[in-house]
Amino acid sequence: MRLKIEDQVKKGSRISYDDGRPGHKGVAAIVLAVDTDGMLVQFEDRADTNYIRFSDRQWMDFMTLVD
């Protein structure tokens, strides 16, 4: 399921990022926090967190909701 609106994502949701490039296929993340503008996520392959704005198409176009 493609992520289109913030109502689809909740704290604790699992998402996946896949832009087709090697190392960027099916990278899973846990949503740590959600606000009206975006979400704070922790990717399984990184130590740092990322804040992703819902309006940032370079991220959101490649996100899917896992559960």
PDB file of N, CA and C in Angstrom:
ATOM      1  N   MET A   1       0.843  -1.172   0.000  1.00  0.00           N
ATOM      2  CA  MET A   1       0.000   0.000   0.000  1.00  0.00           C
ATOM      3  C   MET A   1       0.891   1.239   0.000  1.00  0.00           C
ATOM      4  N   ARG A   2       0.733   2.105  -0.973  1.00  0.00           N
ATOM      5  CA  ARG A   2       1.509   3.347  -1.039  1.00  0.00           C
ATOM      6  C   ARG A   2       1.052   4.305   0.058  1.00  0.00           C
ATOM      7  N   LEU A   3       2.001   5.004   0.645  1.00  0.00           N
ATOM      8  CA  LEU A   3       1.679   5.998   1.651  1.00  0.00           C
ATOM      9  C   LEU A   3       1.295   7.289   0.952  1.00  0.00           C
ATOM     10  N   LYS A   4       0.114   7.784   1.226  1.00  0.00           N
ATOM     11  CA  LYS A   4      -0.335   9.015   0.593  1.00  0.00           C
ATOM     12  C   LYS A   4      -0.698  10.076   1.608  1.00  0.00           C
ATOM     13  N   ILE A   5      -1.240   9.679   2.741  1.00  0.00           N
ATOM     14  CA  ILE A   5      -1.640  10.653   3.747  1.00  0.00           C
ATOM     15  C   ILE A   5      -1.162  10.197   5.114  1.00  0.00           C
ATOM     16  N   GLU A   6      -0.960  11.166   5.979  1.00  0.00           N
ATOM     17  CA  GLU A   6      -0.424  10.864   7.302  1.00  0.00           C
ATOM     18  C   GLU A   6      -1.341   9.977   8.136  1.00  0.00           C
ATOM     19  N   ASP A   7      -2.627   9.893   7.803  1.00  0.00           N
ATOM     20  CA  ASP A   7      -3.548   9.048   8.567  1.00  0.00           C
ATOM     21  C   ASP A   7      -3.231   7.564   8.432  1.00  0.00           C
ATOM     22  N   GLN A   8      -2.477   7.184   7.423  1.00  0.00           N
ATOM     23  CA  GLN A   8      -2.137   5.776   7.227  1.00  0.00           C
ATOM     24  C   GLN A   8      -0.999   5.326   8.143  1.00  0.00           C
ATOM     25  N   VAL A   9      -0.238   6.264   8.666  1.00  0.00           N
ATOM     26  CA  VAL A   9       0.960   5.930   9.434  1.00  0.00           C
ATOM     27  C   VAL A   9       0.750   6.279  10.897  1.00  0.00           C
ATOM     28  N   LYS A  10       1.054   5.349  11.769  1.00  0.00           N
ATOM     29  CA  LYS A  10       0.942   5.544  13.217  1.00  0.00           C
ATOM     30  C   LYS A  10       2.274   5.195  13.882  1.00  0.00           C
ATOM     31  N   LYS A  11       2.472   5.690  15.081  1.00  0.00           N
ATOM     32  CA  LYS A  11       3.648   5.305  15.858  1.00  0.00           C
ATOM     33  C   LYS A  11       3.665   3.790  15.981  1.00  0.00           C
ATOM     34  N   GLY A  12       4.802   3.186  15.681  1.00  0.00           N
ATOM     35  CA  GLY A  12       4.933   1.730  15.740  1.00  0.00           C
ATOM     36  C   GLY A  12       4.697   1.034  14.407  1.00  0.00           C
ATOM     37  N   SER A  13       4.207   1.760  13.404  1.00  0.00           N
ATOM     38  CA  SER A  13       4.005   1.166  12.076  1.00  0.00           C
ATOM     39  C   SER A  13       5.345   0.760  11.473  1.00  0.00           C
ATOM     40  N   ARG A  14       5.296  -0.254  10.633  1.00  0.00           N
ATOM     41  CA  ARG A  14       6.486  -0.658   9.876  1.00  0.00           C
ATOM     42  C   ARG A  14       6.292  -0.202   8.441  1.00  0.00           C
ATOM     43  N   ILE A  15       7.327   0.428   7.901  1.00  0.00           N
ATOM     44  CA  ILE A  15       7.296   0.882   6.517  1.00  0.00           C
ATOM     45  C   ILE A  15       8.496   0.306   5.787  1.00  0.00           C
ATOM     46  N   SER A  16       8.443   0.362   4.473  1.00  0.00           N
ATOM     47  CA  SER A  16       9.535  -0.130   3.648  1.00  0.00           C
ATOM     48  C   SER A  16       9.860   0.911   2.589  1.00  0.00           C
ATOM     49  N   TYR A  17      11.153   1.086   2.308  1.00  0.00           N
ATOM     50  CA  TYR A  17      11.621   2.026   1.288  1.00  0.00           C
ATOM     51  C   TYR A  17      12.253   1.235   0.160  1.00  0.00           C
ATOM     52  N   ASP A  18      11.847   1.529  -1.079  1.00  0.00           N
ATOM     53  CA  ASP A  18      12.405   0.817  -2.234  1.00  0.00           C
ATOM     54  C   ASP A  18      12.376   1.729  -3.454  1.00  0.00           C
ATOM     55  N   ASP A  19      13.531   2.306  -3.792  1.00  0.00           N
ATOM     56  CA  ASP A  19      13.605   3.148  -4.991  1.00  0.00           C
ATOM     57  C   ASP A  19      14.282   2.413  -6.148  1.00  0.00           C
ATOM     58  N   GLY A  20      14.544   1.117  -5.972  1.00  0.00           N
ATOM     59  CA  GLY A  20      15.082   0.298  -7.044  1.00  0.00           C
ATOM     60  C   GLY A  20      16.595   0.245  -7.131  1.00  0.00           C
ATOM     61  N   ARG A  21      17.285   1.123  -6.418  1.00  0.00           N
ATOM     62  CA  ARG A  21      18.750   1.120  -6.458  1.00  0.00           C
ATOM     63  C   ARG A  21      19.297   0.034  -5.531  1.00  0.00           C
ATOM     64  N   PRO A  22      20.460  -0.532  -5.853  1.00  0.00           N
ATOM     65  CA  PRO A  22      21.072  -1.513  -4.954  1.00  0.00           C
ATOM     66  C   PRO A  22      21.268  -0.905  -3.562  1.00  0.00           C
ATOM     67  N   GLY A  23      20.902  -1.667  -2.552  1.00  0.00           N
ATOM     68  CA  GLY A  23      21.007  -1.188  -1.182  1.00  0.00           C
ATOM     69  C   GLY A  23      19.827  -0.350  -0.735  1.00  0.00           C
ATOM     70  N   HIS A  24      18.910  -0.088  -1.636  1.00  0.00           N
ATOM     71  CA  HIS A  24      17.732   0.719  -1.328  1.00  0.00           C
ATOM     72  C   HIS A  24      16.450  -0.048  -1.632  1.00  0.00           C
ATOM     73  N   LYS A  25      16.542  -1.355  -1.683  1.00  0.00           N
ATOM     74  CA  LYS A  25      15.386  -2.184  -1.995  1.00  0.00           C
ATOM     75  C   LYS A  25      14.862  -2.848  -0.733  1.00  0.00           C
ATOM     76  N   GLY A  26      13.613  -2.571  -0.396  1.00  0.00           N
ATOM     77  CA  GLY A  26      12.968  -3.223   0.740  1.00  0.00           C
ATOM     78  C   GLY A  26      13.588  -2.902   2.081  1.00  0.00           C
ATOM     79  N   VAL A  27      14.149  -1.715   2.233  1.00  0.00           N
ATOM     80  CA  VAL A  27      14.752  -1.317   3.497  1.00  0.00           C
ATOM     81  C   VAL A  27      13.628  -1.003   4.484  1.00  0.00           C
ATOM     82  N   ALA A  28      13.561  -1.741   5.576  1.00  0.00           N
ATOM     83  CA  ALA A  28      12.483  -1.599   6.544  1.00  0.00           C
ATOM     84  C   ALA A  28      12.811  -0.553   7.596  1.00  0.00           C
ATOM     85  N   ALA A  29      11.756   0.047   8.130  1.00  0.00           N
ATOM     86  CA  ALA A  29      11.902   1.054   9.179  1.00  0.00           C
ATOM     87  C   ALA A  29      10.713   0.977  10.128  1.00  0.00           C
ATOM     88  N   ILE A  30      10.931   1.454  11.338  1.00  0.00           N
ATOM     89  CA  ILE A  30       9.878   1.586  12.342  1.00  0.00           C
ATOM     90  C   ILE A  30       9.575   3.069  12.492  1.00  0.00           C
ATOM     91  N   VAL A  31       8.294   3.414  12.541  1.00  0.00           N
ATOM     92  CA  VAL A  31       7.884   4.797  12.756  1.00  0.00           C
ATOM     93  C   VAL A  31       7.930   5.065  14.256  1.00  0.00           C
ATOM     94  N   LEU A  32       8.761   6.016  14.657  1.00  0.00           N
ATOM     95  CA  LEU A  32       8.925   6.351  16.070  1.00  0.00           C
ATOM     96  C   LEU A  32       7.959   7.431  16.533  1.00  0.00           C
ATOM     97  N   ALA A  33       7.602   8.350  15.644  1.00  0.00           N
ATOM     98  CA  ALA A  33       6.686   9.440  15.984  1.00  0.00           C
ATOM     99  C   ALA A  33       6.061   9.969  14.704  1.00  0.00           C
ATOM    100  N   VAL A  34       4.860  10.513  14.838  1.00  0.00           N
ATOM    101  CA  VAL A  34       4.143  11.093  13.712  1.00  0.00           C
ATOM    102  C   VAL A  34       3.550  12.424  14.151  1.00  0.00           C
ATOM    103  N   ASP A  35       3.667  13.446  13.286  1.00  0.00           N
ATOM    104  CA  ASP A  35       2.967  14.703  13.534  1.00  0.00           C
ATOM    105  C   ASP A  35       2.265  15.107  12.238  1.00  0.00           C
ATOM    106  N   THR A  36       1.687  16.275  12.185  1.00  0.00           N
ATOM    107  CA  THR A  36       0.908  16.667  11.009  1.00  0.00           C
ATOM    108  C   THR A  36       1.762  16.877   9.766  1.00  0.00           C
ATOM    109  N   ASP A  37       3.063  17.118   9.948  1.00  0.00           N
ATOM    110  CA  ASP A  37       3.942  17.393   8.811  1.00  0.00           C
ATOM    111  C   ASP A  37       4.744  16.193   8.329  1.00  0.00           C
ATOM    112  N   GLY A  38       4.985  15.218   9.205  1.00  0.00           N
ATOM    113  CA  GLY A  38       5.831  14.100   8.809  1.00  0.00           C
ATOM    114  C   GLY A  38       5.966  13.046   9.882  1.00  0.00           C
ATOM    115  N   MET A  39       7.018  12.240   9.743  1.00  0.00           N
ATOM    116  CA  MET A  39       7.238  11.129  10.681  1.00  0.00           C
ATOM    117  C   MET A  39       8.727  10.970  10.955  1.00  0.00           C
ATOM    118  N   LEU A  40       9.031  10.541  12.155  1.00  0.00           N
ATOM    119  CA  LEU A  40      10.385  10.209  12.559  1.00  0.00           C
ATOM    120  C   LEU A  40      10.517   8.702  12.453  1.00  0.00           C
ATOM    121  N   VAL A  41      11.497   8.228  11.675  1.00  0.00           N
ATOM    122  CA  VAL A  41      11.646   6.796  11.454  1.00  0.00           C
ATOM    123  C   VAL A  41      13.061   6.329  11.793  1.00  0.00           C
ATOM    124  N   GLN A  42      13.157   5.060  12.134  1.00  0.00           N
ATOM    125  CA  GLN A  42      14.431   4.401  12.392  1.00  0.00           C
ATOM    126  C   GLN A  42      14.559   3.263  11.396  1.00  0.00           C
ATOM    127  N   PHE A  43      15.453   3.423  10.400  1.00  0.00           N
ATOM    128  CA  PHE A  43      15.683   2.355   9.440  1.00  0.00           C
ATOM    129  C   PHE A  43      16.529   1.266  10.084  1.00  0.00           C
ATOM    130  N   GLU A  44      16.237   0.017   9.758  1.00  0.00           N
ATOM    131  CA  GLU A  44      16.936  -1.116  10.367  1.00  0.00           C
ATOM    132  C   GLU A  44      18.421  -1.140  10.039  1.00  0.00           C
ATOM    133  N   ASP A  45      18.814  -0.535   8.930  1.00  0.00           N
ATOM    134  CA  ASP A  45      20.218  -0.574   8.525  1.00  0.00           C
ATOM    135  C   ASP A  45      20.993   0.692   8.907  1.00  0.00           C
ATOM    136  N   ARG A  46      20.422   1.534   9.754  1.00  0.00           N
ATOM    137  CA  ARG A  46      21.087   2.780  10.152  1.00  0.00           C
ATOM    138  C   ARG A  46      20.985   2.991  11.657  1.00  0.00           C
ATOM    139  N   ALA A  47      21.990   3.669  12.195  1.00  0.00           N
ATOM    140  CA  ALA A  47      21.976   3.981  13.618  1.00  0.00           C
ATOM    141  C   ALA A  47      21.214   5.269  13.905  1.00  0.00           C
ATOM    142  N   ASP A  48      21.200   6.183  12.927  1.00  0.00           N
ATOM    143  CA  ASP A  48      20.527   7.460  13.141  1.00  0.00           C
ATOM    144  C   ASP A  48      19.063   7.386  12.717  1.00  0.00           C
ATOM    145  N   THR A  49      18.285   8.375  13.128  1.00  0.00           N
ATOM    146  CA  THR A  49      16.884   8.457  12.738  1.00  0.00           C
ATOM    147  C   THR A  49      16.732   9.476  11.610  1.00  0.00           C
ATOM    148  N   ASN A  50      15.612   9.395  10.922  1.00  0.00           N
ATOM    149  CA  ASN A  50      15.311  10.332   9.840  1.00  0.00           C
ATOM    150  C   ASN A  50      13.924  10.916  10.055  1.00  0.00           C
ATOM    151  N   TYR A  51      13.806  12.231   9.895  1.00  0.00           N
ATOM    152  CA  TYR A  51      12.494  12.865   9.870  1.00  0.00           C
ATOM    153  C   TYR A  51      12.117  13.027   8.409  1.00  0.00           C
ATOM    154  N   ILE A  52      10.994  12.442   8.024  1.00  0.00           N
ATOM    155  CA  ILE A  52      10.540  12.475   6.639  1.00  0.00           C
ATOM    156  C   ILE A  52       9.233  13.246   6.570  1.00  0.00           C
ATOM    157  N   ARG A  53       9.237  14.319   5.810  1.00  0.00           N
ATOM    158  CA  ARG A  53       8.026  15.119   5.612  1.00  0.00           C
ATOM    159  C   ARG A  53       7.093  14.398   4.637  1.00  0.00           C
ATOM    160  N   PHE A  54       5.796  14.440   4.936  1.00  0.00           N
ATOM    161  CA  PHE A  54       4.820  13.813   4.046  1.00  0.00           C
ATOM    162  C   PHE A  54       4.810  14.477   2.674  1.00  0.00           C
ATOM    163  N   SER A  55       5.233  15.713   2.593  1.00  0.00           N
ATOM    164  CA  SER A  55       5.269  16.436   1.320  1.00  0.00           C
ATOM    165  C   SER A  55       6.535  16.160   0.514  1.00  0.00           C
ATOM    166  N   ASP A  56       7.487  15.424   1.084  1.00  0.00           N
ATOM    167  CA  ASP A  56       8.761  15.145   0.416  1.00  0.00           C
ATOM    168  C   ASP A  56       8.598  13.943  -0.517  1.00  0.00           C
ATOM    169  N   ARG A  57       8.292  14.225  -1.776  1.00  0.00           N
ATOM    170  CA  ARG A  57       8.016  13.165  -2.746  1.00  0.00           C
ATOM    171  C   ARG A  57       9.224  12.279  -2.998  1.00  0.00           C
ATOM    172  N   GLN A  58      10.448  12.792  -2.840  1.00  0.00           N
ATOM    173  CA  GLN A  58      11.642  11.963  -3.057  1.00  0.00           C
ATOM    174  C   GLN A  58      11.693  10.805  -2.061  1.00  0.00           C
ATOM    175  N   TRP A  59      11.062  10.946  -0.923  1.00  0.00           N
ATOM    176  CA  TRP A  59      10.955   9.849   0.040  1.00  0.00           C
ATOM    177  C   TRP A  59       9.626   9.122  -0.128  1.00  0.00           C
ATOM    178  N   MET A  60       8.534   9.875  -0.068  1.00  0.00           N
ATOM    179  CA  MET A  60       7.210   9.281   0.035  1.00  0.00           C
ATOM    180  C   MET A  60       6.802   8.471  -1.193  1.00  0.00           C
ATOM    181  N   ASP A  61       7.299   8.824  -2.370  1.00  0.00           N
ATOM    182  CA  ASP A  61       6.950   8.061  -3.577  1.00  0.00           C
ATOM    183  C   ASP A  61       7.478   6.633  -3.536  1.00  0.00           C
ATOM    184  N   PHE A  62       8.422   6.348  -2.648  1.00  0.00           N
ATOM    185  CA  PHE A  62       9.040   5.019  -2.595  1.00  0.00           C
ATOM    186  C   PHE A  62       8.758   4.280  -1.290  1.00  0.00           C
ATOM    187  N   MET A  63       7.819   4.801  -0.488  1.00  0.00           N
ATOM    188  CA  MET A  63       7.462   4.176   0.789  1.00  0.00           C
ATOM    189  C   MET A  63       6.219   3.330   0.636  1.00  0.00           C
ATOM    190  N   THR A  64       6.215   2.193   1.325  1.00  0.00           N
ATOM    191  CA  THR A  64       5.011   1.375   1.428  1.00  0.00           C
ATOM    192  C   THR A  64       4.811   1.006   2.894  1.00  0.00           C
ATOM    193  N   LEU A  65       3.562   0.817   3.248  1.00  0.00           N
ATOM    194  CA  LEU A  65       3.214   0.395   4.597  1.00  0.00           C
ATOM    195  C   LEU A  65       3.301  -1.125   4.667  1.00  0.00           C
ATOM    196  N   VAL A  66       4.064  -1.654   5.630  1.00  0.00           N
ATOM    197  CA  VAL A  66       4.267  -3.096   5.746  1.00  0.00           C
ATOM    198  C   VAL A  66       3.136  -3.743   6.519  1.00  0.00           C
ATOM    199  N   ASP A  67       2.708  -3.123   7.609  1.00  0.00           N
ATOM    200  CA  ASP A  67       1.589  -3.704   8.378  1.00  0.00           C
ATOM    201  C   ASP A  67       0.570  -2.684   8.738  1.00  0.00           C
TER     202      ASP A  67
END
